[in-house]
C-alpha cells in the first residue's frame, strides 16, 4: 500500500506541474496578443477536407478578392481549387488528422480521444497562424469546433461567425438515432455555443426561420451560388473534353480518334452530336447516408428492363457518379452485380478543372441529396445549375427554394418516380419533341440563374457582416 507521504508528494508534484503549464500557457497567450499585429485578416475554418468544402473555399476566395489576408484551417485530402492554392493572400493550414485508434476501444473512450486530439490540434493551429480580425466556421461538424472557436475568439477579441450548412446532430442521428446520448450532447453543444456567435450565415430561408424560431439565433441567408468555373460550354469544348475522358474510359471511345461515343468530327471539320448516341447523365455525391443510392440503382434497373423489352425506343445510358465517401465501395459492389447491358456506370474522382466540364457536357443531372434536417440545400445541384445542366432531384421540404418542379427541373419521391421520369425524358432520344421543349425551357431558366455568380451574391449578403 502506498504511504500517505508518497501520495502527498505525488499530489504536490502534479499540482506544481499543472500550475507551471497553466502559467506558461497564459504567458504565451499574453505575448501572442501583445506582439501580433492585428490586420485585415480572416480565418476560415472547416473541420473536414478543405478540397471537398466548396462553400468555404468560395468564402476564402471572396475574402481574398476584397483584400483580406486569409488563413484556411482544415484537413488535407482532395486538392483545393487551384485559384485558392495559388492566391498570394491565402495560406492553407492543414491540421494533423486523428491517428488510427486500436480496434475494440469503448465508443465513449474513442470519441473522447478524438475530440481531445481535435481540440489540441485546432488550438495549436490557431496560435501558429497569423492573428485574425474575423473567424468564420463551417457547421457541421459542431463538436469540438464551435466551443473551441468560441473560446479562441473570446480570448483574442476575434469576431466569431458561424456558417450553418446543416445541423451536426441531425447528421449524427442518421446513423445513431435521435435518442442516442452523443446526438443529444451534440445538439445541446451546437445550439448553446451557436448562440454565442457574433453573426451567423445559413444556406436557406427555411434554415433561417428554424434557427430564429427554435434557437433564437439570427442568421443571414447566403444562398450557394456557382463559382465562375461552373458555366455552359460550346459543343467544340464538349467534344475536346470527351476526347480527353475517352483516353481514360474506353466506354466513351468513338469509331476513330476524332470521335467519341457522343460526338464526331464531320468532313468539313465541324463538330456534331451523333444521331445514334447514348445519353450521358451525372450524379455527384459524397457517398454518405444522406444520399440513398438504392433509389438510383432501382430506377436504372427499371430503365434497363424497358430497354430489354424495347418498349420506348430508349437509348443506352452512360452514368457518371462522381465523388469520394465511405459508402462508395458498398454501392459499387451492388451495381457491379447487376450486369446491365444498356447501362454503364462509371465512378471516377475528377480533378477540380474537369468536374465542371463533365456537368456542362451531360444531358441530365441526378441529385439524390436527402437532407438530414430537411432545411438545407444541395451544393451539387447548385453546381449543375451553374453549368446549365437540367436536373432531377429528390424532393424534400426546402428544395423549392432552389428547384421548382417543371420550371427549372423535376422532382421525384422514390425510385419508381425517378424511373418514370427517366423513361419519359429519354423516350425516342434525341428526337423526342416534348423532351426537347422541356430541356430548352429548363436551360433558359438556368441561364437566368447563371447570371449571378458566387462573388457578387457574397458581396451583397455576406460582406457587410465583416466590415
Protein backbone atom coordinates (compact mmCIF):
# COMPACT_ATOMS: atom_id res chain seq x y z
CA UNK A 1 0.00 0.00 0.00
CA UNK A 2 1.30 3.45 -0.87
CA UNK A 3 2.21 5.67 2.08
CA UNK A 4 0.38 8.92 2.77
CA UNK A 5 3.65 10.83 2.41
CA UNK A 6 4.19 9.40 -1.07
CA UNK A 7 0.64 10.29 -2.13
CA UNK A 8 1.05 13.85 -0.86
CA UNK A 9 4.37 14.22 -2.65
CA UNK A 10 2.79 12.95 -5.90
CA UNK A 11 -0.16 15.27 -5.45
CA UNK A 12 2.04 18.32 -4.92
CA UNK A 13 4.30 17.31 -7.80
CA UNK A 14 1.46 17.05 -10.31
CA UNK A 15 -0.22 20.15 -8.88
CA UNK A 16 3.03 22.06 -9.37
CA UNK A 17 3.38 20.72 -12.93
CA UNK A 18 -0.22 21.68 -13.75
CA UNK A 19 0.24 25.22 -12.40
CA UNK A 20 3.50 25.58 -14.33
CA UNK A 21 1.84 24.52 -17.60
CA UNK A 22 -1.14 26.79 -16.95
CA UNK A 23 1.02 29.85 -16.17
CA UNK A 24 3.21 29.15 -19.20
CA UNK A 25 0.15 28.92 -21.42
CA UNK A 26 -1.18 32.23 -20.06
CA UNK A 27 2.19 33.93 -20.64
CA UNK A 28 2.31 32.60 -24.21
CA UNK A 29 -1.24 33.84 -24.80
CA UNK A 30 -0.46 37.31 -23.46
CA UNK A 31 2.71 37.55 -25.53
CA UNK A 32 0.81 36.37 -28.60
CA UNK A 33 -1.85 39.03 -28.08
CA UNK A 34 0.68 41.80 -27.46
CA UNK A 35 3.19 41.03 -30.19
CA UNK A 36 0.94 40.01 -33.06
CA UNK A 37 -0.22 42.85 -35.23
CA UNK A 38 -3.94 42.77 -35.92
CA UNK A 39 -4.56 43.11 -39.65
CA UNK A 40 -7.43 42.81 -42.08
CA UNK A 41 -7.24 39.06 -41.73
CA UNK A 42 -9.89 36.35 -41.66
CA UNK A 43 -9.63 32.72 -40.61
CA UNK A 44 -11.86 30.23 -42.48
CA UNK A 45 -12.32 27.01 -40.50
CA UNK A 46 -13.69 23.67 -41.65
CA UNK A 47 -13.13 20.52 -39.59
CA UNK A 48 -13.01 18.43 -42.74
CA UNK A 49 -11.32 18.04 -46.11
CA UNK A 50 -10.67 21.56 -47.40
CA UNK A 51 -10.78 20.38 -51.01
CA UNK A 52 -14.26 18.93 -50.53
CA UNK A 53 -15.66 22.07 -48.90
CA UNK A 54 -16.66 24.21 -51.89
CA UNK A 55 -18.64 26.83 -49.97
CA UNK A 56 -15.78 27.55 -47.56
CA UNK A 57 -13.30 27.70 -50.44
CA UNK A 58 -15.61 30.23 -52.09
CA UNK A 59 -15.70 32.26 -48.86
CA UNK A 60 -11.90 32.27 -48.75
CA UNK A 61 -11.57 33.41 -52.35
CA UNK A 62 -14.12 36.19 -51.88
CA UNK A 63 -12.31 37.49 -48.82
CA UNK A 64 -9.02 37.42 -50.74
CA UNK A 65 -10.55 39.31 -53.67
CA UNK A 66 -11.64 42.02 -51.23
CA UNK A 67 -8.13 42.49 -49.89
CA UNK A 68 -8.20 40.27 -46.79
CA UNK A 69 -5.30 38.08 -45.74
CA UNK A 70 -6.93 34.65 -45.48
CA UNK A 71 -5.94 31.66 -43.35
CA UNK A 72 -7.81 28.46 -44.19
CA UNK A 73 -7.74 25.81 -41.46
CA UNK A 74 -8.82 22.24 -42.14
CA UNK A 75 -7.64 18.78 -43.15
CA UNK A 76 -5.71 17.67 -46.21
CA UNK A 77 -7.24 15.25 -48.70
CA UNK A 78 -8.58 16.40 -52.03
CA UNK A 79 -6.76 19.25 -53.73
CA UNK A 80 -8.39 22.65 -53.11
CA UNK A 81 -9.19 24.91 -56.04
CA UNK A 82 -6.09 25.93 -57.99
CA UNK A 83 -7.01 29.60 -57.58
CA UNK A 84 -7.15 29.13 -53.82
CA UNK A 85 -3.83 27.27 -53.61
CA UNK A 86 -2.03 29.84 -55.73
CA UNK A 87 -3.60 33.04 -54.39
CA UNK A 88 -0.92 35.24 -52.75
CA UNK A 89 -3.27 36.34 -49.96
CA UNK A 90 -4.35 32.80 -48.98
CA UNK A 91 -2.48 30.38 -46.74
CA UNK A 92 -3.85 26.90 -46.04
CA UNK A 93 -3.05 25.35 -42.65
CA UNK A 94 -3.53 21.59 -42.56
CA UNK A 95 -4.13 20.05 -39.17
CA UNK A 96 -2.73 16.68 -38.24
CA UNK A 97 -5.50 14.06 -38.57
CA UNK A 98 -6.65 11.91 -35.68
CA UNK A 99 -4.37 8.84 -35.52
CA UNK A 100 -5.83 5.39 -36.09
CA UNK A 101 -7.11 4.11 -32.77
CA UNK A 102 -6.94 0.44 -31.70
CA UNK A 103 -9.99 -1.60 -32.61
CA UNK A 104 -12.24 -2.60 -29.77
CA UNK A 105 -11.94 0.63 -27.79
CA UNK A 106 -15.16 1.59 -25.99
CA UNK A 107 -17.15 4.09 -28.02
CA UNK A 108 -17.03 6.75 -25.31
CA UNK A 109 -13.25 6.46 -24.94
CA UNK A 110 -12.71 6.55 -28.70
CA UNK A 111 -14.97 9.58 -29.06
CA UNK A 112 -13.22 11.35 -26.16
CA UNK A 113 -9.74 10.77 -27.59
CA UNK A 114 -10.85 12.05 -30.98
CA UNK A 115 -12.38 15.22 -29.51
CA UNK A 116 -9.35 15.95 -27.31
CA UNK A 117 -6.99 15.46 -30.27
CA UNK A 118 -9.04 17.82 -32.43
CA UNK A 119 -9.20 20.44 -29.66
CA UNK A 120 -5.43 20.42 -29.17
CA UNK A 121 -4.54 20.48 -32.88
CA UNK A 122 -7.14 23.16 -33.64
CA UNK A 123 -5.92 25.46 -30.85
CA UNK A 124 -2.28 24.83 -31.80
CA UNK A 125 -3.05 25.87 -35.38
CA UNK A 126 -4.90 28.99 -34.22
CA UNK A 127 -1.91 30.17 -32.20
CA UNK A 128 0.51 29.39 -35.05
CA UNK A 129 -1.22 31.24 -37.88
CA UNK A 130 -1.46 34.99 -38.34
CA UNK A 131 -3.68 36.90 -35.94
CA UNK A 132 -7.23 37.29 -37.28
CA UNK A 133 -9.81 40.04 -37.15
CA UNK A 134 -12.57 37.60 -38.07
CA UNK A 135 -13.16 33.87 -37.89
CA UNK A 136 -15.84 32.08 -39.92
CA UNK A 137 -16.62 28.45 -39.11
CA UNK A 138 -18.46 25.82 -41.13
CA UNK A 139 -21.07 23.87 -39.18
CA UNK A 140 -21.34 20.85 -39.23
CA UNK A 141 -19.33 19.38 -37.66
CA UNK A 142 -20.20 21.13 -34.40
CA UNK A 143 -18.00 19.31 -31.89
CA UNK A 144 -15.44 20.37 -30.93
CA UNK A 145 -15.22 23.25 -33.42
CA UNK A 146 -18.00 25.54 -32.18
CA UNK A 147 -16.92 25.65 -28.49
CA UNK A 148 -13.21 25.78 -29.35
CA UNK A 149 -13.66 28.57 -31.90
CA UNK A 150 -15.87 30.48 -29.47
CA UNK A 151 -13.24 30.13 -26.73
CA UNK A 152 -10.43 31.26 -29.04
CA UNK A 153 -12.43 34.23 -30.34
CA UNK A 154 -13.43 35.27 -26.81
CA UNK A 155 -9.84 35.18 -25.55
CA UNK A 156 -8.39 37.03 -28.53
CA UNK A 157 -11.14 39.52 -29.40
CA UNK A 158 -11.87 38.00 -32.81
CA UNK A 159 -15.33 38.34 -34.35
CA UNK A 160 -16.91 34.86 -34.45
CA UNK A 161 -19.23 33.90 -37.33
CA UNK A 162 -20.88 30.54 -37.98
CA UNK A 163 -21.95 29.47 -41.46
CA UNK A 164 -24.76 26.95 -40.94
CA UNK A 165 -24.74 24.41 -43.77
CA UNK A 166 -26.86 21.92 -41.84
CA UNK A 167 -27.14 20.64 -38.26
CA UNK A 168 -24.46 18.36 -36.85
CA UNK A 169 -26.85 16.48 -34.57
CA UNK A 170 -29.28 15.57 -37.40
CA UNK A 171 -26.42 14.10 -39.45
CA UNK A 172 -25.27 12.06 -36.44
CA UNK A 173 -28.84 10.86 -35.97
CA UNK A 174 -28.84 9.25 -39.43
CA UNK A 175 -26.59 6.52 -38.03
CA UNK A 176 -27.36 6.53 -34.32
CA UNK A 177 -30.97 7.68 -33.97
CA UNK A 178 -32.22 10.84 -32.33
CA UNK A 179 -32.26 9.27 -28.83
CA UNK A 180 -28.54 8.46 -28.84
CA UNK A 181 -26.66 10.18 -25.99
CA UNK A 182 -23.98 11.55 -28.34
CA UNK A 183 -26.66 13.05 -30.58
CA UNK A 184 -28.27 14.76 -27.58
CA UNK A 185 -24.92 16.12 -26.37
CA UNK A 186 -24.08 17.41 -29.85
CA UNK A 187 -27.48 19.08 -30.13
CA UNK A 188 -27.07 20.88 -26.79
CA UNK A 189 -23.48 21.98 -27.51
CA UNK A 190 -24.32 23.01 -31.07
CA UNK A 191 -27.04 25.46 -30.11
CA UNK A 192 -25.76 26.56 -26.69
CA UNK A 193 -22.47 27.72 -28.15
CA UNK A 194 -24.01 28.59 -31.53
CA UNK A 195 -25.95 31.37 -29.83
CA UNK A 196 -22.66 32.95 -28.77
CA UNK A 197 -21.58 33.78 -32.33
CA UNK A 198 -21.45 37.48 -33.19
CA UNK A 199 -23.06 36.81 -36.60
CA UNK A 200 -24.49 33.86 -38.49
CA UNK A 201 -25.00 32.82 -42.10
CA UNK A 202 -27.13 29.96 -43.37
CA UNK A 203 -27.95 28.27 -46.67
CA UNK A 204 -31.74 28.59 -46.90
CA UNK A 205 -34.71 30.66 -45.78
CA UNK A 206 -36.15 27.57 -44.09
CA UNK A 207 -32.98 27.23 -42.00
CA UNK A 208 -33.01 30.93 -41.14
CA UNK A 209 -36.57 30.61 -39.82
CA UNK A 210 -35.74 27.45 -37.88
CA UNK A 211 -32.66 28.99 -36.24
CA UNK A 212 -34.69 32.05 -35.26
CA UNK A 213 -37.85 30.30 -34.04
CA UNK A 214 -36.35 27.31 -32.24
CA UNK A 215 -32.97 28.54 -31.06
CA UNK A 216 -33.19 32.36 -31.06
CA UNK A 217 -30.24 32.52 -33.46
CA UNK A 218 -30.50 35.32 -36.02
CA UNK A 219 -28.89 34.37 -39.31
CA UNK A 220 -28.49 35.96 -42.72
CA UNK A 221 -29.38 33.78 -45.71
CA UNK A 222 -26.48 33.34 -48.13
CA UNK A 223 -27.58 31.01 -50.87
CA UNK A 224 -24.94 28.88 -52.51
CA UNK A 225 -24.18 30.15 -55.98
CA UNK A 226 -21.98 28.62 -58.67
CA UNK A 227 -18.39 29.82 -58.72
CA UNK A 228 -17.00 31.06 -62.00
CA UNK A 229 -15.60 27.73 -63.19
CA UNK A 230 -19.16 26.38 -63.47
CA UNK A 231 -20.67 27.57 -66.74
CA UNK A 232 -22.06 26.29 -70.04
CA UNK A 233 -19.57 25.22 -72.72
CA UNK A 234 -19.67 25.03 -76.51
CA UNK A 235 -20.09 21.82 -78.47
CA UNK A 236 -16.44 22.04 -79.57
CA UNK A 237 -15.32 22.33 -75.92
CA UNK A 238 -17.54 19.41 -75.02
CA UNK A 239 -16.00 17.32 -77.82
CA UNK A 240 -12.43 18.05 -76.68
CA UNK A 241 -13.30 17.22 -73.09
CA UNK A 242 -14.97 13.93 -74.03
CA UNK A 243 -11.98 13.02 -76.19
CA UNK A 244 -9.80 13.57 -73.12
CA UNK A 245 -12.03 11.37 -70.97
CA UNK A 246 -12.17 8.65 -73.63
CA UNK A 247 -8.42 8.12 -73.18
CA UNK A 248 -9.18 7.03 -69.61
CA UNK A 249 -12.62 5.44 -70.01
CA UNK A 250 -12.92 3.25 -73.09
CA UNK A 251 -16.72 3.30 -72.80
CA UNK A 252 -16.58 6.85 -74.22
CA UNK A 253 -14.48 5.98 -77.26
CA UNK A 254 -15.81 6.51 -80.78
CA UNK A 255 -15.05 4.68 -84.02
CA UNK A 256 -11.86 6.66 -84.59
CA UNK A 257 -9.53 9.03 -82.75
CA UNK A 258 -11.52 12.07 -83.85
CA UNK A 259 -14.84 10.90 -82.41
CA UNK A 260 -16.37 9.88 -79.09
CA UNK A 261 -19.46 7.88 -78.20
CA UNK A 262 -21.39 11.17 -78.30
CA UNK A 263 -19.66 13.48 -80.80
CA UNK A 264 -17.93 13.29 -84.17
CA UNK A 265 -15.87 15.45 -86.50
CA UNK A 266 -17.52 15.99 -89.90
CA UNK A 267 -15.59 16.12 -93.19
CA UNK A 268 -15.68 19.92 -93.16
CA UNK A 269 -14.08 19.94 -89.71
CA UNK A 270 -17.22 20.89 -87.79
CA UNK A 271 -18.20 19.09 -84.60
CA UNK A 272 -21.63 17.43 -84.40
CA UNK A 273 -23.60 15.34 -81.94
CA UNK A 274 -24.10 11.80 -83.18
CA UNK A 275 -27.61 10.86 -84.19
CA UNK A 276 -27.24 7.44 -82.57
CA UNK A 277 -25.65 8.11 -79.22
CA UNK A 278 -26.09 7.09 -75.58
CA UNK A 279 -27.47 9.51 -73.02
CA UNK A 280 -24.96 10.97 -70.56
CA UNK A 281 -26.21 11.51 -67.01
CA UNK A 282 -24.25 12.66 -63.95
CA UNK A 283 -24.83 12.30 -60.24
CA UNK A 284 -22.30 13.76 -57.82
CA UNK A 285 -22.14 12.53 -54.25
CA UNK A 286 -20.12 12.25 -51.07
CA UNK A 287 -21.35 8.64 -50.65
CA UNK A 288 -22.85 9.27 -47.21
CA UNK A 289 -26.11 8.12 -45.58
CA UNK A 290 -27.90 11.36 -46.51
CA UNK A 291 -27.96 10.16 -50.15
CA UNK A 292 -29.89 6.94 -50.81
CA UNK A 293 -28.36 5.40 -53.92
CA UNK A 294 -30.78 2.49 -53.75
CA UNK A 295 -33.21 4.95 -55.37
CA UNK A 296 -30.97 5.48 -58.41
CA UNK A 297 -29.99 1.80 -58.66
CA UNK A 298 -33.63 0.68 -58.63
CA UNK A 299 -34.61 3.35 -61.16
CA UNK A 300 -31.77 2.31 -63.50
CA UNK A 301 -32.86 -1.32 -63.16
CA UNK A 302 -36.38 -0.37 -64.27
CA UNK A 303 -34.87 1.58 -67.17
CA UNK A 304 -32.77 -1.47 -68.13
CA UNK A 305 -35.85 -3.66 -68.14
CA UNK A 306 -37.63 -1.25 -70.50
CA UNK A 307 -34.58 -1.22 -72.78
CA UNK A 308 -34.56 -5.02 -72.93
CA UNK A 309 -38.28 -5.02 -73.79
CA UNK A 310 -37.66 -2.37 -76.48
CA UNK A 311 -40.81 -0.50 -75.47
CA UNK A 312 -39.96 3.19 -75.65
CA UNK A 313 -37.06 3.50 -78.06
CA UNK A 314 -34.72 4.27 -75.17
CA UNK A 315 -31.00 4.97 -75.67
CA UNK A 316 -28.26 3.32 -73.66
CA UNK A 317 -27.15 5.36 -70.64
CA UNK A 318 -23.64 6.16 -69.51
CA UNK A 319 -23.96 7.29 -65.90
CA UNK A 320 -21.08 9.09 -64.16
CA UNK A 321 -21.27 9.10 -60.36
CA UNK A 322 -18.50 11.34 -59.07
CA UNK A 323 -17.13 11.77 -55.57
CA UNK A 324 -15.48 10.04 -52.62
CA UNK A 325 -17.01 8.73 -49.43
CA UNK A 326 -17.48 5.83 -47.01
CA UNK A 327 -20.31 4.05 -48.88
CA UNK A 328 -18.74 4.14 -52.34
CA UNK A 329 -17.45 0.55 -52.42
CA UNK A 330 -20.69 -0.75 -50.90
CA UNK A 331 -22.80 0.70 -53.71
CA UNK A 332 -20.23 -0.09 -56.40
CA UNK A 333 -20.41 -3.76 -55.45
CA UNK A 334 -24.20 -3.70 -55.80
CA UNK A 335 -24.04 -2.08 -59.24
CA UNK A 336 -21.28 -4.43 -60.45
CA UNK A 337 -23.52 -7.42 -59.73
CA UNK A 338 -26.28 -6.03 -61.94
CA UNK A 339 -24.50 -6.85 -65.24
CA UNK A 340 -26.59 -4.30 -67.11
CA UNK A 341 -26.42 -4.45 -70.91
CA UNK A 342 -27.76 -0.96 -71.64
CA UNK A 343 -26.42 0.99 -68.67
CA UNK A 344 -22.78 1.72 -67.91
CA UNK A 345 -21.87 3.22 -64.53
CA UNK A 346 -18.52 4.99 -64.08
CA UNK A 347 -17.45 6.18 -60.63
CA UNK A 348 -14.44 8.48 -61.12
CA UNK A 349 -12.83 11.08 -58.90
CA UNK A 350 -12.31 14.06 -61.19
CA UNK A 351 -9.89 16.94 -60.86
CA UNK A 352 -11.39 20.33 -59.99
CA UNK A 353 -10.80 21.50 -63.56
CA UNK A 354 -12.68 18.54 -65.09
CA UNK A 355 -15.76 18.25 -62.87
CA UNK A 356 -17.48 21.46 -64.16
CA UNK A 357 -16.82 20.36 -67.75
CA UNK A 358 -18.43 16.97 -67.10
CA UNK A 359 -21.55 18.68 -65.77
CA UNK A 360 -21.68 21.02 -68.76
CA UNK A 361 -21.29 18.05 -71.14
CA UNK A 362 -24.07 15.90 -69.69
CA UNK A 363 -27.66 15.55 -70.87
CA UNK A 364 -29.13 15.33 -67.35
CA UNK A 365 -28.13 15.60 -63.70
CA UNK A 366 -29.47 13.46 -60.85
CA UNK A 367 -29.42 14.80 -57.27
CA UNK A 368 -30.10 12.24 -54.52
CA UNK A 369 -29.44 14.53 -51.55
CA UNK A 370 -31.83 13.66 -48.72
CA UNK A 371 -31.49 16.41 -46.15
CA UNK A 372 -30.98 15.17 -42.59
CA UNK A 373 -32.62 18.33 -41.27
CA UNK A 374 -34.98 18.93 -44.20
CA UNK A 375 -33.90 22.57 -44.42
CA UNK A 376 -30.51 22.66 -46.15
CA UNK A 377 -29.93 22.82 -49.92
CA UNK A 378 -27.66 20.57 -52.02
CA UNK A 379 -24.49 22.23 -53.30
CA UNK A 380 -24.21 19.61 -56.05
CA UNK A 381 -27.47 20.90 -57.53
CA UNK A 382 -26.07 24.44 -57.48
CA UNK A 383 -23.06 23.19 -59.47
CA UNK A 384 -25.34 21.52 -62.02
CA UNK A 385 -27.44 24.65 -62.46
CA UNK A 386 -24.31 26.78 -62.74
CA UNK A 387 -23.17 24.53 -65.58
CA UNK A 388 -26.52 24.90 -67.35
CA UNK A 389 -27.46 21.26 -66.69
CA UNK A 390 -31.14 20.39 -66.14
CA UNK A 391 -31.60 18.02 -63.20
CA UNK A 392 -33.99 15.70 -61.41
CA UNK A 393 -33.76 15.97 -57.61
CA UNK A 394 -35.12 14.09 -54.62
CA UNK A 395 -37.94 16.16 -53.17
CA UNK A 396 -37.91 17.44 -49.59
CA UNK A 397 -39.13 20.39 -47.54
CA UNK A 398 -36.89 23.28 -48.60
CA UNK A 399 -35.84 22.13 -52.08
CA UNK A 400 -38.26 24.53 -53.80
CA UNK A 401 -36.00 27.42 -52.74
CA UNK A 402 -33.66 26.12 -55.45
CA UNK A 403 -35.56 23.80 -57.78
CA UNK A 404 -39.20 24.34 -58.72
CA UNK A 405 -40.81 21.29 -60.30
CA UNK A 406 -41.42 21.61 -64.03
CA UNK A 407 -39.92 25.12 -64.13
CA UNK A 408 -36.17 24.56 -63.88
CA UNK A 409 -36.08 20.82 -63.19
CA UNK A 410 -38.11 17.87 -61.96
CA UNK A 411 -38.53 16.26 -58.53
CA UNK A 412 -39.06 12.64 -57.51
CA UNK A 413 -40.01 10.95 -54.25
CA UNK A 414 -38.92 7.34 -54.82
CA UNK A 415 -37.25 5.03 -57.31
CA UNK A 416 -40.45 4.48 -59.31
CA UNK A 417 -40.89 8.25 -59.75
CA UNK A 418 -37.31 8.58 -60.95
CA UNK A 419 -37.60 5.61 -63.32
CA UNK A 420 -40.70 7.05 -64.98
CA UNK A 421 -39.07 10.48 -65.32
CA UNK A 422 -36.00 8.92 -66.97
CA UNK A 423 -38.10 6.84 -69.36
CA UNK A 424 -40.24 9.80 -70.37
CA UNK A 425 -37.23 12.13 -70.70
CA UNK A 426 -35.23 9.78 -72.95
CA UNK A 427 -38.06 8.18 -74.93
CA UNK A 428 -37.07 8.28 -78.65
CA UNK A 429 -33.95 10.24 -77.68
CA UNK A 430 -32.74 12.58 -79.16
CA UNK A 431 -35.83 13.20 -81.32
CA UNK A 432 -38.44 13.47 -78.57
CA UNK A 433 -40.10 16.85 -79.21
CA UNK A 434 -41.68 17.04 -75.74
CA UNK A 435 -38.30 16.37 -74.12
CA UNK A 436 -36.61 18.90 -76.39
CA UNK A 437 -39.17 21.53 -75.41
CA UNK A 438 -38.68 20.92 -71.67
CA UNK A 439 -34.92 20.75 -71.99
CA UNK A 440 -34.91 24.14 -73.75
CA UNK A 441 -37.34 25.58 -71.18
CA UNK A 442 -35.22 24.41 -68.24
CA UNK A 443 -31.97 25.65 -69.77
CA UNK A 444 -33.48 29.09 -70.37
CA UNK A 445 -34.38 29.29 -66.69
CA UNK A 446 -30.86 28.18 -65.77
CA UNK A 447 -29.39 31.00 -67.87
CA UNK A 448 -31.16 33.44 -65.56
CA UNK A 449 -29.76 31.56 -62.57
CA UNK A 450 -26.24 31.70 -64.04
CA UNK A 451 -26.27 35.48 -64.28
CA UNK A 452 -25.26 35.94 -60.64
CA UNK A 453 -22.19 34.02 -59.56
CA UNK A 454 -20.98 33.49 -56.02
CA UNK A 455 -18.82 36.57 -55.51
CA UNK A 456 -21.43 39.19 -56.42
CA UNK A 457 -24.00 37.35 -54.28
CA UNK A 458 -21.45 37.19 -51.43
CA UNK A 459 -20.71 40.93 -51.68
CA UNK A 460 -24.39 41.77 -51.19
CA UNK A 461 -25.25 39.29 -48.44
CA UNK A 462 -22.10 38.30 -46.51
CA UNK A 463 -19.52 41.08 -46.90
CA UNK A 464 -21.46 43.60 -44.75
CA UNK A 465 -21.02 41.30 -41.73
CA UNK A 466 -17.25 41.75 -41.90
CA UNK A 467 -16.86 45.50 -42.26
